[in-house]
Amino acid sequence: FAKVSLRKDHLPKILPVLRWYPFFAPEHGKLMYYVRKIREFCKEQITQHKATFDPNNIQDFIGAFLLGQNKAESDIWQQSVFTDKQLPEVLIDLFAAGSETSS
């Protein structure tokens, strides 16, 4: 038996109905590429803000979030809200909302 390897772009050619599923659409790869780029940019901004964080000089959303993290150290509930994992996701949501309303 010959070993057959199917790539993601071959399956819609075999089963045309798969073209309608987002995962198999050609645009999905481009979309995921740009989501990764936006996530990388957000993480870079967070790293820069953490390095220069001053609780007495909050200038933007990232600074306000970091201040919330500092204040949440004594409150268990707030610790679950102000996490390092949550901040990039919130920034992506804000970025997408701003892009959607301005286009």
C-alpha atoms as a PDB file:
ATOM      1  CA  PHE A   1       0.000   0.000   0.000  1.00  0.00           C
ATOM      2  CA  ALA A   2       1.199   3.455  -0.838  1.00  0.00           C
ATOM      3  CA  LYS A   3       1.268   5.976   1.928  1.00  0.00           C
ATOM      4  CA  VAL A   4      -1.080   8.848   1.097  1.00  0.00           C
ATOM      5  CA  SER A   5      -0.843  12.163   2.845  1.00  0.00           C
ATOM      6  CA  LEU A   6      -3.659  14.652   2.508  1.00  0.00           C
ATOM      7  CA  ARG A   7      -3.165  18.299   3.143  1.00  0.00           C
ATOM      8  CA  LYS A   8      -5.917  20.536   4.401  1.00  0.00           C
ATOM      9  CA  ASP A   9      -6.407  22.032   0.930  1.00  0.00           C
ATOM     10  CA  HIS A  10      -6.887  18.597  -0.697  1.00  0.00           C
ATOM     11  CA  LEU A  11      -9.962  17.599   1.287  1.00  0.00           C
ATOM     12  CA  PRO A  12     -12.354  20.177  -0.277  1.00  0.00           C
ATOM     13  CA  LYS A  13     -11.353  18.848  -3.706  1.00  0.00           C
ATOM     14  CA  ILE A  14     -12.392  15.355  -2.658  1.00  0.00           C
ATOM     15  CA  LEU A  15     -15.511  16.442  -0.742  1.00  0.00           C
ATOM     16  CA  PRO A  16     -16.681  19.764  -2.236  1.00  0.00           C
ATOM     17  CA  VAL A  17     -19.136  20.357   0.609  1.00  0.00           C
ATOM     18  CA  LEU A  18     -16.156  21.046   2.876  1.00  0.00           C
ATOM     19  CA  ARG A  19     -15.542  24.326   0.994  1.00  0.00           C
ATOM     20  CA  TRP A  20     -18.360  25.827   3.050  1.00  0.00           C
ATOM     21  CA  TYR A  21     -16.745  25.022   6.389  1.00  0.00           C
ATOM     22  CA  PRO A  22     -14.585  27.894   7.661  1.00  0.00           C
ATOM     23  CA  PHE A  23     -11.649  25.684   8.638  1.00  0.00           C
ATOM     24  CA  PHE A  24     -11.198  24.544   5.047  1.00  0.00           C
ATOM     25  CA  ALA A  25     -11.769  27.911   3.388  1.00  0.00           C
ATOM     26  CA  PRO A  26      -8.600  29.428   1.892  1.00  0.00           C
ATOM     27  CA  GLU A  27      -9.206  32.612   3.852  1.00  0.00           C
ATOM     28  CA  HIS A  28      -8.925  30.722   7.151  1.00  0.00           C
ATOM     29  CA  GLY A  29      -5.137  30.442   6.859  1.00  0.00           C
ATOM     30  CA  LYS A  30      -4.788  34.159   6.184  1.00  0.00           C
ATOM     31  CA  LEU A  31      -7.100  35.016   9.052  1.00  0.00           C
ATOM     32  CA  MET A  32      -5.173  32.869  11.510  1.00  0.00           C
ATOM     33  CA  TYR A  33      -1.887  34.396  10.308  1.00  0.00           C
ATOM     34  CA  TYR A  34      -3.151  37.904  11.072  1.00  0.00           C
ATOM     35  CA  VAL A  35      -4.629  36.850  14.424  1.00  0.00           C
ATOM     36  CA  ARG A  36      -1.192  35.489  15.394  1.00  0.00           C
ATOM     37  CA  LYS A  37       0.457  38.747  14.286  1.00  0.00           C
ATOM     38  CA  ILE A  38      -2.000  40.829  16.323  1.00  0.00           C
ATOM     39  CA  ARG A  39      -1.473  38.582  19.357  1.00  0.00           C
ATOM     40  CA  GLU A  40       2.332  38.950  19.018  1.00  0.00           C
ATOM     41  CA  PHE A  41       1.978  42.737  18.779  1.00  0.00           C
ATOM     42  CA  CYS A  42      -0.223  42.812  21.884  1.00  0.00           C
ATOM     43  CA  LYS A  43       2.252  40.698  23.847  1.00  0.00           C
ATOM     44  CA  GLU A  44       5.097  43.013  22.828  1.00  0.00           C
ATOM     45  CA  GLN A  45       3.109  46.026  24.014  1.00  0.00           C
ATOM     46  CA  ILE A  46       2.308  44.312  27.318  1.00  0.00           C
ATOM     47  CA  THR A  47       5.988  43.494  27.872  1.00  0.00           C
ATOM     48  CA  GLN A  48       6.959  47.118  27.205  1.00  0.00           C
ATOM     49  CA  HIS A  49       4.244  48.406  29.526  1.00  0.00           C
ATOM     50  CA  LYS A  50       5.279  46.037  32.318  1.00  0.00           C
ATOM     51  CA  ALA A  51       8.878  47.223  32.027  1.00  0.00           C
ATOM     52  CA  THR A  52       7.896  50.892  32.351  1.00  0.00           C
ATOM     53  CA  PHE A  53       4.821  50.545  34.578  1.00  0.00           C
ATOM     54  CA  ASP A  54       4.206  53.442  36.960  1.00  0.00           C
ATOM     55  CA  PRO A  55       1.028  53.155  39.071  1.00  0.00           C
ATOM     56  CA  ASN A  56       0.961  56.948  39.443  1.00  0.00           C
ATOM     57  CA  ASN A  57       0.998  57.551  35.681  1.00  0.00           C
ATOM     58  CA  ILE A  58      -1.654  55.435  33.939  1.00  0.00           C
ATOM     59  CA  GLN A  59      -1.822  56.434  30.282  1.00  0.00           C
ATOM     60  CA  ASP A  60      -3.839  53.717  28.540  1.00  0.00           C
ATOM     61  CA  PHE A  61      -5.855  50.530  28.907  1.00  0.00           C
ATOM     62  CA  ILE A  62      -2.829  48.276  29.415  1.00  0.00           C
ATOM     63  CA  GLY A  63      -1.633  50.477  32.267  1.00  0.00           C
ATOM     64  CA  ALA A  64      -5.100  50.421  33.847  1.00  0.00           C
ATOM     65  CA  PHE A  65      -5.198  46.630  33.565  1.00  0.00           C
ATOM     66  CA  LEU A  66      -1.753  46.290  35.148  1.00  0.00           C
ATOM     67  CA  LEU A  67      -2.886  48.570  37.969  1.00  0.00           C
ATOM     68  CA  GLY A  68      -5.925  46.302  38.414  1.00  0.00           C
ATOM     69  CA  GLN A  69      -3.573  43.318  38.615  1.00  0.00           C
ATOM     70  CA  ASN A  70      -1.550  45.007  41.353  1.00  0.00           C
ATOM     71  CA  LYS A  71      -4.663  45.849  43.357  1.00  0.00           C
ATOM     72  CA  ALA A  72      -6.063  42.342  42.832  1.00  0.00           C
ATOM     73  CA  GLU A  73      -3.218  40.691  44.731  1.00  0.00           C
ATOM     74  CA  SER A  74      -5.307  40.774  47.906  1.00  0.00           C
ATOM     75  CA  ASP A  75      -8.649  39.749  46.333  1.00  0.00           C
ATOM     76  CA  ILE A  76      -9.009  36.186  45.045  1.00  0.00           C
ATOM     77  CA  TRP A  77     -11.985  37.002  42.790  1.00  0.00           C
ATOM     78  CA  GLN A  78     -10.188  39.880  41.092  1.00  0.00           C
ATOM     79  CA  GLN A  79      -7.102  37.709  40.626  1.00  0.00           C
ATOM     80  CA  SER A  80      -9.189  35.496  38.345  1.00  0.00           C
ATOM     81  CA  VAL A  81     -10.226  38.540  36.269  1.00  0.00           C
ATOM     82  CA  PHE A  82      -6.891  40.353  35.925  1.00  0.00           C
ATOM     83  CA  THR A  83      -4.693  37.549  34.568  1.00  0.00           C
ATOM     84  CA  ASP A  84      -1.737  37.630  32.191  1.00  0.00           C
ATOM     85  CA  LYS A  85      -3.681  35.356  29.867  1.00  0.00           C
ATOM     86  CA  GLN A  86      -6.750  37.599  29.871  1.00  0.00           C
ATOM     87  CA  LEU A  87      -5.020  40.860  28.928  1.00  0.00           C
ATOM     88  CA  PRO A  88      -3.963  39.919  25.349  1.00  0.00           C
ATOM     89  CA  GLU A  89      -7.425  38.493  24.684  1.00  0.00           C
ATOM     90  CA  VAL A  90      -9.122  41.690  25.847  1.00  0.00           C
ATOM     91  CA  LEU A  91      -6.754  43.767  23.693  1.00  0.00           C
ATOM     92  CA  ILE A  92      -7.580  41.640  20.641  1.00  0.00           C
ATOM     93  CA  ASP A  93     -11.298  42.077  21.364  1.00  0.00           C
ATOM     94  CA  LEU A  94     -10.850  45.845  21.581  1.00  0.00           C
ATOM     95  CA  PHE A  95      -8.791  45.870  18.390  1.00  0.00           C
ATOM     96  CA  ALA A  96     -11.407  43.829  16.521  1.00  0.00           C
ATOM     97  CA  ALA A  97     -14.274  45.963  17.845  1.00  0.00           C
ATOM     98  CA  GLY A  98     -12.502  49.145  16.762  1.00  0.00           C
ATOM     99  CA  SER A  99     -11.742  47.705  13.330  1.00  0.00           C
ATOM    100  CA  GLU A 100     -15.307  46.527  12.870  1.00  0.00           C
ATOM    101  CA  THR A 101     -16.882  49.869  13.761  1.00  0.00           C
ATOM    102  CA  SER A 102     -14.493  51.931  11.653  1.00  0.00           C
ATOM    103  CA  SER A 103     -14.724  49.908   8.452  1.00  0.00           C
END
